[in-house]
N, C-alpha and C. Protein backbone atom coordinates (compact mmCIF):
# COMPACT_ATOMS: atom_id res chain seq x y z
N MET A 1 15.76 116.92 -22.29
CA MET A 1 14.36 116.73 -22.01
C MET A 1 13.79 115.62 -22.89
N TYR A 2 14.23 115.62 -24.15
CA TYR A 2 13.77 114.59 -25.07
C TYR A 2 14.20 113.22 -24.57
N LYS A 3 15.43 113.10 -24.07
CA LYS A 3 15.93 111.83 -23.55
C LYS A 3 15.14 111.38 -22.34
N THR A 4 14.77 112.31 -21.48
CA THR A 4 13.99 111.97 -20.28
C THR A 4 12.63 111.41 -20.68
N LYS A 5 11.98 112.05 -21.68
CA LYS A 5 10.68 111.55 -22.14
C LYS A 5 10.84 110.17 -22.79
N LEU A 6 11.90 110.01 -23.55
CA LEU A 6 12.14 108.74 -24.21
C LEU A 6 12.37 107.63 -23.18
N VAL A 7 13.14 107.91 -22.16
CA VAL A 7 13.39 106.94 -21.09
C VAL A 7 12.08 106.62 -20.38
N SER A 8 11.28 107.64 -20.12
CA SER A 8 9.99 107.44 -19.46
C SER A 8 9.08 106.55 -20.30
N VAL A 9 9.05 106.79 -21.59
CA VAL A 9 8.22 105.98 -22.49
C VAL A 9 8.73 104.55 -22.52
N ILE A 10 10.04 104.38 -22.56
CA ILE A 10 10.62 103.03 -22.59
C ILE A 10 10.30 102.29 -21.29
N VAL A 11 10.44 102.99 -20.17
CA VAL A 11 10.12 102.38 -18.87
C VAL A 11 8.63 102.01 -18.83
N LEU A 12 7.78 102.92 -19.29
CA LEU A 12 6.34 102.66 -19.31
C LEU A 12 6.01 101.45 -20.19
N LEU A 13 6.61 101.39 -21.37
CA LEU A 13 6.39 100.25 -22.26
C LEU A 13 6.88 98.95 -21.62
N PHE A 14 8.04 99.04 -20.96
CA PHE A 14 8.57 97.85 -20.29
C PHE A 14 7.59 97.38 -19.21
N VAL A 15 7.08 98.31 -18.42
CA VAL A 15 6.12 97.96 -17.36
C VAL A 15 4.86 97.36 -17.96
N LEU A 16 4.34 97.98 -19.02
CA LEU A 16 3.14 97.46 -19.66
C LEU A 16 3.39 96.07 -20.25
N PHE A 17 4.52 95.90 -20.90
CA PHE A 17 4.86 94.61 -21.48
C PHE A 17 4.99 93.55 -20.40
N THR A 18 5.67 93.88 -19.31
CA THR A 18 5.85 92.94 -18.21
C THR A 18 4.50 92.56 -17.61
N CYS A 19 3.64 93.53 -17.42
CA CYS A 19 2.31 93.26 -16.86
C CYS A 19 1.50 92.36 -17.79
N SER A 20 1.57 92.63 -19.09
CA SER A 20 0.79 91.82 -20.03
C SER A 20 1.34 90.41 -20.11
N VAL A 21 2.66 90.24 -20.04
CA VAL A 21 3.24 88.90 -20.03
C VAL A 21 2.82 88.18 -18.76
N TYR A 22 2.88 88.86 -17.62
CA TYR A 22 2.47 88.25 -16.36
C TYR A 22 1.00 87.86 -16.40
N ALA A 23 0.17 88.75 -16.94
CA ALA A 23 -1.26 88.46 -17.02
C ALA A 23 -1.51 87.26 -17.90
N SER A 24 -0.83 87.19 -19.05
CA SER A 24 -1.06 86.04 -19.92
C SER A 24 -0.53 84.76 -19.29
N GLU A 25 0.59 84.84 -18.55
CA GLU A 25 1.08 83.66 -17.85
C GLU A 25 0.10 83.25 -16.77
N SER A 26 -0.46 84.21 -16.03
CA SER A 26 -1.43 83.91 -14.98
C SER A 26 -2.67 83.28 -15.58
N GLU A 27 -3.13 83.83 -16.71
CA GLU A 27 -4.30 83.26 -17.37
C GLU A 27 -3.99 81.85 -17.84
N GLY A 28 -2.79 81.65 -18.36
CA GLY A 28 -2.38 80.32 -18.81
C GLY A 28 -2.35 79.34 -17.65
N ASP A 29 -1.79 79.78 -16.51
CA ASP A 29 -1.77 78.93 -15.32
C ASP A 29 -3.18 78.62 -14.85
N ALA A 30 -4.05 79.64 -14.89
CA ALA A 30 -5.44 79.44 -14.47
C ALA A 30 -6.14 78.45 -15.39
N ASP A 31 -5.91 78.60 -16.70
CA ASP A 31 -6.51 77.66 -17.66
C ASP A 31 -5.99 76.25 -17.42
N GLU A 32 -4.68 76.14 -17.21
CA GLU A 32 -4.08 74.83 -16.98
C GLU A 32 -4.62 74.21 -15.69
N ASN A 33 -4.72 75.01 -14.62
CA ASN A 33 -5.27 74.52 -13.36
C ASN A 33 -6.72 74.11 -13.53
N SER A 34 -7.47 74.91 -14.27
CA SER A 34 -8.88 74.60 -14.50
C SER A 34 -9.03 73.29 -15.26
N GLU A 35 -8.21 73.11 -16.29
CA GLU A 35 -8.26 71.86 -17.06
C GLU A 35 -7.86 70.67 -16.20
N LYS A 36 -6.83 70.84 -15.38
CA LYS A 36 -6.40 69.75 -14.50
C LYS A 36 -7.47 69.45 -13.45
N ALA A 37 -8.11 70.50 -12.94
CA ALA A 37 -9.18 70.30 -11.96
C ALA A 37 -10.32 69.48 -12.57
N ILE A 38 -10.66 69.80 -13.80
CA ILE A 38 -11.74 69.06 -14.48
C ILE A 38 -11.32 67.61 -14.71
N ARG A 39 -10.07 67.38 -15.10
CA ARG A 39 -9.59 66.01 -15.32
C ARG A 39 -9.63 65.21 -14.02
N THR A 40 -9.15 65.79 -12.93
CA THR A 40 -9.14 65.05 -11.66
C THR A 40 -10.55 64.86 -11.13
N TYR A 41 -11.42 65.85 -11.36
CA TYR A 41 -12.82 65.71 -10.96
C TYR A 41 -13.46 64.54 -11.71
N ASN A 42 -13.24 64.48 -13.01
CA ASN A 42 -13.80 63.38 -13.81
C ASN A 42 -13.23 62.03 -13.39
N SER A 43 -11.96 62.01 -13.02
CA SER A 43 -11.38 60.78 -12.51
C SER A 43 -12.07 60.35 -11.22
N GLY A 44 -12.35 61.31 -10.36
CA GLY A 44 -13.08 61.01 -9.12
C GLY A 44 -14.47 60.45 -9.41
N ILE A 45 -15.15 61.04 -10.39
CA ILE A 45 -16.46 60.55 -10.79
C ILE A 45 -16.35 59.10 -11.28
N ASP A 46 -15.33 58.82 -12.08
CA ASP A 46 -15.13 57.45 -12.58
C ASP A 46 -14.95 56.47 -11.42
N HIS A 47 -14.15 56.85 -10.42
CA HIS A 47 -13.94 55.97 -9.26
C HIS A 47 -15.24 55.77 -8.48
N MET A 48 -16.03 56.83 -8.34
CA MET A 48 -17.33 56.69 -7.66
C MET A 48 -18.22 55.69 -8.40
N HIS A 49 -18.29 55.82 -9.72
CA HIS A 49 -19.12 54.92 -10.51
C HIS A 49 -18.62 53.47 -10.41
N LYS A 50 -17.30 53.29 -10.42
CA LYS A 50 -16.74 51.94 -10.27
C LYS A 50 -17.15 51.35 -8.93
N ALA A 51 -17.06 52.16 -7.87
CA ALA A 51 -17.44 51.68 -6.54
C ALA A 51 -18.91 51.28 -6.52
N LYS A 52 -19.77 52.09 -7.11
CA LYS A 52 -21.20 51.76 -7.14
C LYS A 52 -21.44 50.47 -7.91
N GLN A 53 -20.77 50.30 -9.03
CA GLN A 53 -20.92 49.09 -9.84
C GLN A 53 -20.43 47.86 -9.09
N ILE A 54 -19.32 47.99 -8.38
CA ILE A 54 -18.79 46.88 -7.60
C ILE A 54 -19.81 46.45 -6.55
N LEU A 55 -20.43 47.42 -5.91
CA LEU A 55 -21.42 47.09 -4.88
C LEU A 55 -22.67 46.46 -5.47
N ILE A 56 -23.08 46.91 -6.65
CA ILE A 56 -24.25 46.33 -7.30
C ILE A 56 -23.98 44.86 -7.63
N VAL A 57 -22.81 44.60 -8.20
CA VAL A 57 -22.45 43.22 -8.54
C VAL A 57 -22.35 42.39 -7.26
N GLY A 58 -21.77 42.97 -6.22
CA GLY A 58 -21.65 42.25 -4.94
C GLY A 58 -22.99 41.94 -4.34
N ASP A 59 -23.96 42.85 -4.48
CA ASP A 59 -25.30 42.62 -3.95
C ASP A 59 -26.01 41.49 -4.69
N SER A 60 -25.70 41.33 -5.97
CA SER A 60 -26.40 40.33 -6.76
C SER A 60 -25.72 38.96 -6.71
N ALA A 61 -24.52 38.89 -6.14
CA ALA A 61 -23.79 37.62 -6.09
C ALA A 61 -24.14 36.88 -4.80
N PHE A 62 -24.13 35.55 -4.88
CA PHE A 62 -24.48 34.75 -3.72
C PHE A 62 -23.31 33.96 -3.16
N ALA A 63 -22.15 34.08 -3.77
CA ALA A 63 -21.00 33.32 -3.32
C ALA A 63 -20.61 33.73 -1.90
N TYR A 64 -20.20 32.76 -1.12
CA TYR A 64 -19.82 33.01 0.26
C TYR A 64 -18.71 34.07 0.33
N ASN A 65 -18.89 35.05 1.19
CA ASN A 65 -17.92 36.10 1.48
C ASN A 65 -17.63 37.02 0.30
N TYR A 66 -18.40 36.91 -0.78
CA TYR A 66 -18.18 37.81 -1.91
C TYR A 66 -18.50 39.24 -1.52
N ARG A 67 -19.48 39.39 -0.65
CA ARG A 67 -19.89 40.72 -0.21
C ARG A 67 -18.71 41.46 0.43
N ALA A 68 -17.96 40.78 1.27
CA ALA A 68 -16.81 41.41 1.93
C ALA A 68 -15.77 41.84 0.90
N THR A 69 -15.57 41.01 -0.11
CA THR A 69 -14.61 41.34 -1.16
C THR A 69 -15.06 42.56 -1.95
N SER A 70 -16.34 42.58 -2.32
CA SER A 70 -16.85 43.71 -3.09
C SER A 70 -16.83 44.99 -2.26
N ASP A 71 -17.13 44.87 -0.97
CA ASP A 71 -17.07 46.06 -0.11
C ASP A 71 -15.65 46.62 -0.05
N ALA A 72 -14.66 45.75 0.06
CA ALA A 72 -13.26 46.20 0.13
C ALA A 72 -12.84 46.86 -1.19
N LYS A 73 -13.26 46.29 -2.30
CA LYS A 73 -12.92 46.87 -3.61
C LYS A 73 -13.61 48.22 -3.78
N ALA A 74 -14.86 48.29 -3.38
CA ALA A 74 -15.60 49.56 -3.49
C ALA A 74 -14.96 50.61 -2.60
N LYS A 75 -14.55 50.21 -1.40
CA LYS A 75 -13.91 51.15 -0.48
C LYS A 75 -12.66 51.75 -1.12
N LYS A 76 -11.87 50.92 -1.78
CA LYS A 76 -10.66 51.41 -2.44
C LYS A 76 -11.01 52.43 -3.53
N GLU A 77 -12.08 52.17 -4.28
CA GLU A 77 -12.49 53.11 -5.32
C GLU A 77 -12.97 54.43 -4.70
N TYR A 78 -13.73 54.34 -3.61
CA TYR A 78 -14.16 55.58 -2.94
C TYR A 78 -12.97 56.36 -2.40
N GLU A 79 -11.97 55.65 -1.88
CA GLU A 79 -10.77 56.34 -1.39
C GLU A 79 -10.02 57.03 -2.53
N LYS A 80 -9.95 56.37 -3.69
CA LYS A 80 -9.32 57.00 -4.85
C LYS A 80 -10.10 58.24 -5.27
N ALA A 81 -11.42 58.13 -5.23
CA ALA A 81 -12.27 59.27 -5.58
C ALA A 81 -12.04 60.42 -4.60
N VAL A 82 -11.93 60.11 -3.31
CA VAL A 82 -11.66 61.14 -2.31
C VAL A 82 -10.37 61.88 -2.66
N ASN A 83 -9.33 61.14 -2.99
CA ASN A 83 -8.05 61.77 -3.35
C ASN A 83 -8.20 62.66 -4.58
N ASP A 84 -8.96 62.19 -5.57
CA ASP A 84 -9.17 62.99 -6.78
C ASP A 84 -9.94 64.27 -6.46
N PHE A 85 -10.99 64.15 -5.66
CA PHE A 85 -11.78 65.34 -5.34
C PHE A 85 -10.99 66.34 -4.49
N LYS A 86 -10.16 65.83 -3.60
CA LYS A 86 -9.29 66.73 -2.82
C LYS A 86 -8.33 67.48 -3.74
N GLU A 87 -7.74 66.75 -4.68
CA GLU A 87 -6.81 67.38 -5.63
C GLU A 87 -7.56 68.41 -6.48
N THR A 88 -8.76 68.06 -6.90
CA THR A 88 -9.59 69.00 -7.67
C THR A 88 -9.79 70.29 -6.88
N LEU A 89 -10.10 70.16 -5.60
CA LEU A 89 -10.38 71.33 -4.78
C LEU A 89 -9.12 72.14 -4.47
N ASP A 90 -7.97 71.48 -4.47
CA ASP A 90 -6.71 72.22 -4.35
C ASP A 90 -6.52 73.12 -5.57
N LEU A 91 -6.93 72.60 -6.73
CA LEU A 91 -6.79 73.37 -7.97
C LEU A 91 -7.91 74.39 -8.16
N ASP A 92 -9.10 74.05 -7.72
CA ASP A 92 -10.26 74.93 -7.89
C ASP A 92 -11.17 74.82 -6.67
N PRO A 93 -10.92 75.63 -5.64
CA PRO A 93 -11.72 75.55 -4.41
C PRO A 93 -13.15 76.08 -4.55
N THR A 94 -13.54 76.46 -5.75
CA THR A 94 -14.91 76.96 -5.96
C THR A 94 -15.81 75.92 -6.62
N MET A 95 -15.32 74.70 -6.81
CA MET A 95 -16.10 73.68 -7.51
C MET A 95 -17.03 72.96 -6.51
N LYS A 96 -18.25 73.45 -6.43
CA LYS A 96 -19.22 72.91 -5.47
C LYS A 96 -19.49 71.42 -5.70
N GLU A 97 -19.45 70.98 -6.95
CA GLU A 97 -19.71 69.58 -7.26
C GLU A 97 -18.65 68.67 -6.65
N ALA A 98 -17.41 69.14 -6.62
CA ALA A 98 -16.33 68.35 -6.03
C ALA A 98 -16.54 68.21 -4.51
N TYR A 99 -16.96 69.30 -3.85
CA TYR A 99 -17.27 69.20 -2.42
C TYR A 99 -18.41 68.23 -2.19
N ASN A 100 -19.43 68.31 -3.03
CA ASN A 100 -20.59 67.45 -2.90
C ASN A 100 -20.21 65.98 -3.06
N ASN A 101 -19.44 65.66 -4.09
CA ASN A 101 -19.05 64.28 -4.32
C ASN A 101 -18.03 63.79 -3.29
N LEU A 102 -17.22 64.70 -2.79
CA LEU A 102 -16.31 64.35 -1.70
C LEU A 102 -17.13 63.94 -0.48
N GLY A 103 -18.17 64.71 -0.19
CA GLY A 103 -19.06 64.37 0.92
C GLY A 103 -19.72 63.02 0.73
N PHE A 104 -20.15 62.74 -0.50
CA PHE A 104 -20.78 61.45 -0.80
C PHE A 104 -19.81 60.31 -0.53
N CYS A 105 -18.58 60.45 -1.01
CA CYS A 105 -17.58 59.39 -0.81
C CYS A 105 -17.26 59.20 0.67
N TYR A 106 -17.10 60.31 1.38
CA TYR A 106 -16.86 60.20 2.82
C TYR A 106 -18.02 59.48 3.51
N ARG A 107 -19.24 59.79 3.11
CA ARG A 107 -20.40 59.13 3.73
C ARG A 107 -20.35 57.63 3.45
N LYS A 108 -20.02 57.25 2.22
CA LYS A 108 -19.95 55.83 1.88
C LYS A 108 -18.81 55.12 2.62
N LEU A 109 -17.79 55.89 3.00
CA LEU A 109 -16.68 55.33 3.77
C LEU A 109 -16.94 55.36 5.28
N GLY A 110 -18.09 55.90 5.67
CA GLY A 110 -18.44 55.96 7.09
C GLY A 110 -17.81 57.13 7.83
N LYS A 111 -17.24 58.07 7.09
CA LYS A 111 -16.61 59.24 7.70
C LYS A 111 -17.62 60.38 7.68
N LEU A 112 -18.58 60.30 8.61
CA LEU A 112 -19.74 61.19 8.55
C LEU A 112 -19.41 62.64 8.89
N GLU A 113 -18.48 62.88 9.78
CA GLU A 113 -18.13 64.27 10.10
C GLU A 113 -17.48 64.96 8.91
N GLU A 114 -16.59 64.24 8.22
CA GLU A 114 -15.97 64.80 7.03
C GLU A 114 -17.01 65.02 5.93
N SER A 115 -17.96 64.10 5.87
CA SER A 115 -19.05 64.22 4.91
C SER A 115 -19.85 65.50 5.15
N LEU A 116 -20.21 65.72 6.41
CA LEU A 116 -20.96 66.95 6.76
C LEU A 116 -20.20 68.20 6.34
N LYS A 117 -18.91 68.24 6.65
CA LYS A 117 -18.10 69.42 6.31
C LYS A 117 -18.09 69.66 4.80
N SER A 118 -17.97 68.59 4.03
CA SER A 118 -17.91 68.74 2.57
C SER A 118 -19.22 69.26 2.01
N TYR A 119 -20.34 68.68 2.47
CA TYR A 119 -21.65 69.16 1.98
C TYR A 119 -21.87 70.62 2.37
N LYS A 120 -21.47 70.97 3.57
CA LYS A 120 -21.66 72.36 4.02
C LYS A 120 -20.80 73.33 3.21
N ARG A 121 -19.61 72.89 2.80
CA ARG A 121 -18.78 73.74 1.93
C ARG A 121 -19.45 73.92 0.57
N ALA A 122 -20.03 72.85 0.04
CA ALA A 122 -20.75 72.95 -1.24
C ALA A 122 -21.93 73.92 -1.11
N LEU A 123 -22.64 73.81 0.01
CA LEU A 123 -23.81 74.67 0.21
C LEU A 123 -23.43 76.11 0.53
N LYS A 124 -22.23 76.31 1.04
CA LYS A 124 -21.75 77.68 1.25
C LYS A 124 -21.56 78.36 -0.11
N LEU A 125 -21.10 77.58 -1.10
CA LEU A 125 -20.92 78.11 -2.44
C LEU A 125 -22.25 78.30 -3.16
N ASP A 126 -23.23 77.43 -2.86
CA ASP A 126 -24.55 77.50 -3.49
C ASP A 126 -25.59 76.96 -2.51
N PRO A 127 -26.24 77.85 -1.75
CA PRO A 127 -27.21 77.41 -0.73
C PRO A 127 -28.39 76.62 -1.29
N ASP A 128 -28.66 76.72 -2.58
CA ASP A 128 -29.78 76.00 -3.20
C ASP A 128 -29.32 74.78 -3.99
N PHE A 129 -28.14 74.27 -3.72
CA PHE A 129 -27.59 73.11 -4.42
C PHE A 129 -28.36 71.87 -3.93
N ALA A 130 -29.34 71.48 -4.72
CA ALA A 130 -30.32 70.47 -4.31
C ALA A 130 -29.68 69.12 -3.98
N GLN A 131 -28.78 68.65 -4.81
CA GLN A 131 -28.18 67.34 -4.54
C GLN A 131 -27.41 67.35 -3.23
N ALA A 132 -26.71 68.42 -2.94
CA ALA A 132 -25.97 68.52 -1.68
C ALA A 132 -26.94 68.56 -0.49
N LEU A 133 -28.07 69.24 -0.65
CA LEU A 133 -29.08 69.26 0.41
C LEU A 133 -29.63 67.86 0.66
N GLU A 134 -29.86 67.11 -0.41
CA GLU A 134 -30.39 65.75 -0.27
C GLU A 134 -29.35 64.84 0.39
N TYR A 135 -28.11 64.89 -0.09
CA TYR A 135 -27.05 64.06 0.50
C TYR A 135 -26.80 64.44 1.96
N LEU A 136 -26.85 65.72 2.26
CA LEU A 136 -26.67 66.17 3.64
C LEU A 136 -27.79 65.60 4.51
N GLY A 137 -29.02 65.60 3.98
CA GLY A 137 -30.14 65.01 4.71
C GLY A 137 -29.91 63.54 5.00
N GLU A 138 -29.36 62.80 4.04
CA GLU A 138 -29.08 61.38 4.26
C GLU A 138 -27.97 61.20 5.31
N THR A 139 -27.03 62.12 5.33
CA THR A 139 -25.98 62.04 6.34
C THR A 139 -26.56 62.30 7.72
N TYR A 140 -27.48 63.25 7.81
CA TYR A 140 -28.16 63.48 9.09
C TYR A 140 -28.91 62.23 9.55
N LEU A 141 -29.53 61.51 8.62
CA LEU A 141 -30.19 60.26 8.98
C LEU A 141 -29.18 59.25 9.52
N ALA A 142 -28.02 59.16 8.88
CA ALA A 142 -26.98 58.24 9.35
C ALA A 142 -26.52 58.61 10.76
N LEU A 143 -26.65 59.88 11.09
CA LEU A 143 -26.27 60.36 12.43
C LEU A 143 -27.46 60.37 13.39
N ASP A 144 -28.59 59.79 12.95
CA ASP A 144 -29.83 59.75 13.74
C ASP A 144 -30.35 61.13 14.11
N ASP A 145 -30.19 62.08 13.21
CA ASP A 145 -30.69 63.44 13.44
C ASP A 145 -31.86 63.71 12.48
N MET A 146 -33.02 63.16 12.85
CA MET A 146 -34.21 63.27 12.01
C MET A 146 -34.64 64.72 11.82
N GLN A 147 -34.51 65.54 12.84
CA GLN A 147 -34.94 66.93 12.75
C GLN A 147 -34.20 67.67 11.63
N LYS A 148 -32.88 67.53 11.57
CA LYS A 148 -32.11 68.21 10.52
C LYS A 148 -32.40 67.61 9.14
N ALA A 149 -32.62 66.30 9.10
CA ALA A 149 -32.96 65.67 7.82
C ALA A 149 -34.29 66.24 7.30
N LYS A 150 -35.24 66.41 8.18
CA LYS A 150 -36.54 66.96 7.77
C LYS A 150 -36.42 68.43 7.35
N LEU A 151 -35.52 69.18 7.98
CA LEU A 151 -35.30 70.56 7.56
C LEU A 151 -34.76 70.60 6.13
N ASN A 152 -33.87 69.68 5.82
CA ASN A 152 -33.36 69.61 4.44
C ASN A 152 -34.47 69.21 3.47
N LEU A 153 -35.34 68.30 3.91
CA LEU A 153 -36.48 67.92 3.07
C LEU A 153 -37.37 69.13 2.80
N LEU A 154 -37.59 69.95 3.82
CA LEU A 154 -38.40 71.16 3.66
C LEU A 154 -37.75 72.12 2.66
N LYS A 155 -36.44 72.30 2.77
CA LYS A 155 -35.73 73.17 1.83
C LYS A 155 -35.87 72.66 0.40
N LEU A 156 -35.72 71.35 0.23
CA LEU A 156 -35.83 70.75 -1.11
C LEU A 156 -37.25 70.88 -1.65
N THR A 157 -38.22 70.72 -0.78
CA THR A 157 -39.62 70.87 -1.19
C THR A 157 -39.88 72.30 -1.63
N ASN A 158 -39.36 73.26 -0.87
CA ASN A 158 -39.53 74.67 -1.23
C ASN A 158 -38.84 75.01 -2.56
N LEU A 159 -37.75 74.31 -2.85
CA LEU A 159 -37.05 74.50 -4.12
C LEU A 159 -37.76 73.78 -5.27
N LYS A 160 -38.76 72.98 -4.92
CA LYS A 160 -39.47 72.15 -5.91
C LYS A 160 -38.51 71.21 -6.64
N SER A 161 -37.59 70.65 -5.87
CA SER A 161 -36.57 69.77 -6.43
C SER A 161 -37.03 68.31 -6.39
N ALA A 162 -36.67 67.58 -7.42
CA ALA A 162 -36.95 66.14 -7.45
C ALA A 162 -36.17 65.42 -6.35
N TYR A 163 -35.11 66.04 -5.87
CA TYR A 163 -34.34 65.43 -4.78
C TYR A 163 -35.16 65.38 -3.49
N ALA A 164 -36.23 66.16 -3.40
CA ALA A 164 -37.11 66.08 -2.23
C ALA A 164 -37.72 64.68 -2.15
N ASP A 165 -38.12 64.12 -3.28
CA ASP A 165 -38.68 62.76 -3.29
C ASP A 165 -37.66 61.73 -2.84
N THR A 166 -36.42 61.91 -3.27
CA THR A 166 -35.35 60.97 -2.90
C THR A 166 -35.11 61.01 -1.39
N LEU A 167 -35.05 62.21 -0.83
CA LEU A 167 -34.83 62.33 0.61
C LEU A 167 -36.06 61.84 1.38
N ALA A 168 -37.24 62.11 0.87
CA ALA A 168 -38.47 61.62 1.53
C ALA A 168 -38.46 60.09 1.60
N LEU A 169 -38.03 59.44 0.52
CA LEU A 169 -37.93 57.97 0.53
C LEU A 169 -36.88 57.49 1.53
N ALA A 170 -35.76 58.20 1.61
CA ALA A 170 -34.72 57.83 2.57
C ALA A 170 -35.24 57.97 4.00
N ILE A 171 -36.01 59.01 4.27
CA ILE A 171 -36.59 59.22 5.60
C ILE A 171 -37.60 58.11 5.91
N GLU A 172 -38.40 57.76 4.90
CA GLU A 172 -39.37 56.67 5.08
C GLU A 172 -38.66 55.36 5.38
N LYS A 173 -37.61 55.07 4.64
CA LYS A 173 -36.85 53.84 4.87
C LYS A 173 -36.21 53.86 6.26
N TYR A 174 -35.69 55.01 6.66
CA TYR A 174 -35.10 55.17 7.98
C TYR A 174 -36.14 54.84 9.06
N ASN A 175 -37.35 55.40 8.91
CA ASN A 175 -38.42 55.15 9.88
C ASN A 175 -38.82 53.68 9.91
N LEU A 176 -38.91 53.05 8.74
CA LEU A 176 -39.24 51.62 8.69
C LEU A 176 -38.17 50.78 9.36
N ASN A 177 -36.91 51.15 9.16
CA ASN A 177 -35.81 50.42 9.83
C ASN A 177 -35.89 50.57 11.34
N LYS A 178 -36.26 51.75 11.81
CA LYS A 178 -36.40 51.97 13.26
C LYS A 178 -37.53 51.11 13.82
N ILE A 179 -38.64 51.03 13.08
CA ILE A 179 -39.77 50.18 13.50
C ILE A 179 -39.34 48.72 13.52
N ASN A 180 -38.63 48.30 12.48
CA ASN A 180 -38.14 46.93 12.41
C ASN A 180 -37.20 46.62 13.57
N ASP A 181 -36.33 47.56 13.90
CA ASP A 181 -35.41 47.36 15.03
C ASP A 181 -36.18 47.15 16.33
N LYS A 182 -37.23 47.94 16.53
CA LYS A 182 -38.05 47.80 17.76
C LYS A 182 -38.77 46.47 17.77
N LEU A 183 -39.28 46.02 16.62
CA LEU A 183 -39.94 44.71 16.55
C LEU A 183 -38.96 43.59 16.87
N GLN A 184 -37.73 43.72 16.39
CA GLN A 184 -36.71 42.71 16.68
C GLN A 184 -36.38 42.67 18.16
N GLU A 185 -36.37 43.82 18.81
CA GLU A 185 -36.12 43.87 20.25
C GLU A 185 -37.24 43.20 21.03
N VAL A 186 -38.49 43.41 20.59
CA VAL A 186 -39.64 42.81 21.26
C VAL A 186 -39.59 41.29 21.13
N LYS A 187 -39.15 40.77 20.00
CA LYS A 187 -39.06 39.33 19.77
C LYS A 187 -38.04 38.68 20.67
N LYS A 188 -37.03 39.42 21.07
CA LYS A 188 -35.97 38.83 21.94
C LYS A 188 -36.45 38.69 23.29
């Protein structure tokens, strides 16, 4: 009987030890994945900033065809950022900021459907994520869907977010561009 209890205790200790080793390995893997997700996310942010800087410099330059060159360089940076944000989300699918920035990059690349999906994933994780609401509103404008853009503006206004002002300006610019387009048609 003593041997049976001893064997039971040994088996129990073995099970407990195995579980604790597995748990610590899982926690270690989670920590490592989390750290890698943050590194790749930050890399994506760096590529986004590089793309924005390239476009700013391109806008201020007057050399012939420089704009096309800067657009191509910026596109490459946005594509690198997309890859980083995708990798980040493989490691941590709960990072709403990565979905949001992925949507931003897709929008800048003209991939509006992918952009919509990314913003909606960010908003699924946090329905009050103001920056994602604003970016989603701008994507709706790019798709000529003023009604949905205005709904996002209303949500941002209700949240008392400063992003409401940003989207309101984008809507105003959109409307001015539409008026300008009609004036250009009348001139022809």
